[in-house]
Amino acid sequence: MCDKLEEGDSRYEAVKSYSKPSCLAANDQLQRCLDATSKDWRKCQTQVAALSQCMREDKAVGKG
């Protein structure tokens, strides 16, 4: 099981940096789903896929 990242965690900034400005909406949707499901990412696969797709598209066009 993955552990939860807190703001004080050194890994937090790295994960936070994945939230590209063009993917903020997808990231927000994922965060809302995680909040609603007690951080159970398995229940948020639609939102995980949407954020992943956004990040792939950003990288493909040279934004990321």
C-alpha atoms as a PDB file:
ATOM      1  CA  MET A   1       0.000   0.000   0.000  1.00  0.00           C
ATOM      2  CA  CYS A   2       1.282   3.463  -0.811  1.00  0.00           C
ATOM      3  CA  ASP A   3       1.783   5.899   2.014  1.00  0.00           C
ATOM      4  CA  LYS A   4       0.128   9.304   2.066  1.00  0.00           C
ATOM      5  CA  LEU A   5       2.227  12.349   1.179  1.00  0.00           C
ATOM      6  CA  GLU A   6       2.001  15.301   3.523  1.00  0.00           C
ATOM      7  CA  GLU A   7       3.141  18.871   2.782  1.00  0.00           C
ATOM      8  CA  GLY A   8       6.207  18.496   5.015  1.00  0.00           C
ATOM      9  CA  ASP A   9       7.355  15.363   3.165  1.00  0.00           C
ATOM     10  CA  SER A  10      10.378  15.853   0.884  1.00  0.00           C
ATOM     11  CA  ARG A  11       8.531  13.962  -1.865  1.00  0.00           C
ATOM     12  CA  TYR A  12       5.627  16.417  -1.747  1.00  0.00           C
ATOM     13  CA  GLU A  13       7.335  19.089  -3.865  1.00  0.00           C
ATOM     14  CA  ALA A  14       8.281  16.514  -6.517  1.00  0.00           C
ATOM     15  CA  VAL A  15       4.708  15.274  -6.795  1.00  0.00           C
ATOM     16  CA  LYS A  16       3.367  18.824  -6.686  1.00  0.00           C
ATOM     17  CA  SER A  17       5.573  19.745  -9.662  1.00  0.00           C
ATOM     18  CA  TYR A  18       3.779  17.138 -11.793  1.00  0.00           C
ATOM     19  CA  SER A  19       0.726  19.386 -11.750  1.00  0.00           C
ATOM     20  CA  LYS A  20       1.422  21.314 -14.935  1.00  0.00           C
ATOM     21  CA  PRO A  21      -0.694  24.463 -15.354  1.00  0.00           C
ATOM     22  CA  SER A  22      -2.388  22.956 -18.405  1.00  0.00           C
ATOM     23  CA  CYS A  23      -3.344  19.874 -16.349  1.00  0.00           C
ATOM     24  CA  LEU A  24      -4.638  21.654 -13.253  1.00  0.00           C
ATOM     25  CA  ALA A  25      -8.278  20.775 -13.953  1.00  0.00           C
ATOM     26  CA  ALA A  26      -7.457  17.071 -14.281  1.00  0.00           C
ATOM     27  CA  ASN A  27      -5.326  17.236 -11.142  1.00  0.00           C
ATOM     28  CA  ASP A  28      -8.116  19.002  -9.229  1.00  0.00           C
ATOM     29  CA  GLN A  29     -10.613  16.333 -10.287  1.00  0.00           C
ATOM     30  CA  LEU A  30      -8.249  13.619  -9.082  1.00  0.00           C
ATOM     31  CA  GLN A  31      -7.686  15.392  -5.764  1.00  0.00           C
ATOM     32  CA  ARG A  32     -11.451  15.752  -5.225  1.00  0.00           C
ATOM     33  CA  CYS A  33     -11.955  12.055  -5.956  1.00  0.00           C
ATOM     34  CA  LEU A  34      -9.140  11.082  -3.585  1.00  0.00           C
ATOM     35  CA  ASP A  35     -10.620  13.282  -0.868  1.00  0.00           C
ATOM     36  CA  ALA A  36     -14.047  11.698  -1.373  1.00  0.00           C
ATOM     37  CA  THR A  37     -12.685   8.138  -1.239  1.00  0.00           C
ATOM     38  CA  SER A  38     -10.311   8.416   1.746  1.00  0.00           C
ATOM     39  CA  LYS A  39      -7.334   8.575  -0.668  1.00  0.00           C
ATOM     40  CA  ASP A  40      -8.203   5.263  -2.348  1.00  0.00           C
ATOM     41  CA  TRP A  41      -6.706   5.829  -5.798  1.00  0.00           C
ATOM     42  CA  ARG A  42      -8.150   2.509  -7.001  1.00  0.00           C
ATOM     43  CA  LYS A  43     -11.592   4.146  -6.916  1.00  0.00           C
ATOM     44  CA  CYS A  44     -10.336   7.113  -8.967  1.00  0.00           C
ATOM     45  CA  GLN A  45      -8.996   5.358 -12.040  1.00  0.00           C
ATOM     46  CA  THR A  46     -10.961   7.560 -14.451  1.00  0.00           C
ATOM     47  CA  GLN A  47      -9.342  10.664 -12.943  1.00  0.00           C
ATOM     48  CA  VAL A  48      -5.897   9.016 -12.794  1.00  0.00           C
ATOM     49  CA  ALA A  49      -6.181   8.147 -16.488  1.00  0.00           C
ATOM     50  CA  ALA A  50      -7.310  11.679 -17.391  1.00  0.00           C
ATOM     51  CA  LEU A  51      -4.340  13.270 -15.590  1.00  0.00           C
ATOM     52  CA  SER A  52      -1.935  10.761 -17.097  1.00  0.00           C
ATOM     53  CA  GLN A  53      -3.291  11.470 -20.589  1.00  0.00           C
ATOM     54  CA  CYS A  54      -2.997  15.229 -20.054  1.00  0.00           C
ATOM     55  CA  MET A  55       0.614  14.889 -18.927  1.00  0.00           C
ATOM     56  CA  ARG A  56       1.454  12.662 -21.924  1.00  0.00           C
ATOM     57  CA  GLU A  57      -0.108  15.230 -24.276  1.00  0.00           C
ATOM     58  CA  ASP A  58       1.847  18.059 -22.639  1.00  0.00           C
ATOM     59  CA  LYS A  59       5.079  16.127 -23.043  1.00  0.00           C
ATOM     60  CA  ALA A  60       4.262  15.330 -26.693  1.00  0.00           C
ATOM     61  CA  VAL A  61       3.842  19.005 -27.563  1.00  0.00           C
ATOM     62  CA  GLY A  62       6.908  20.031 -25.583  1.00  0.00           C
ATOM     63  CA  LYS A  63       5.216  21.725 -22.654  1.00  0.00           C
ATOM     64  CA  GLY A  64       6.473  19.352 -19.964  1.00  0.00           C
END
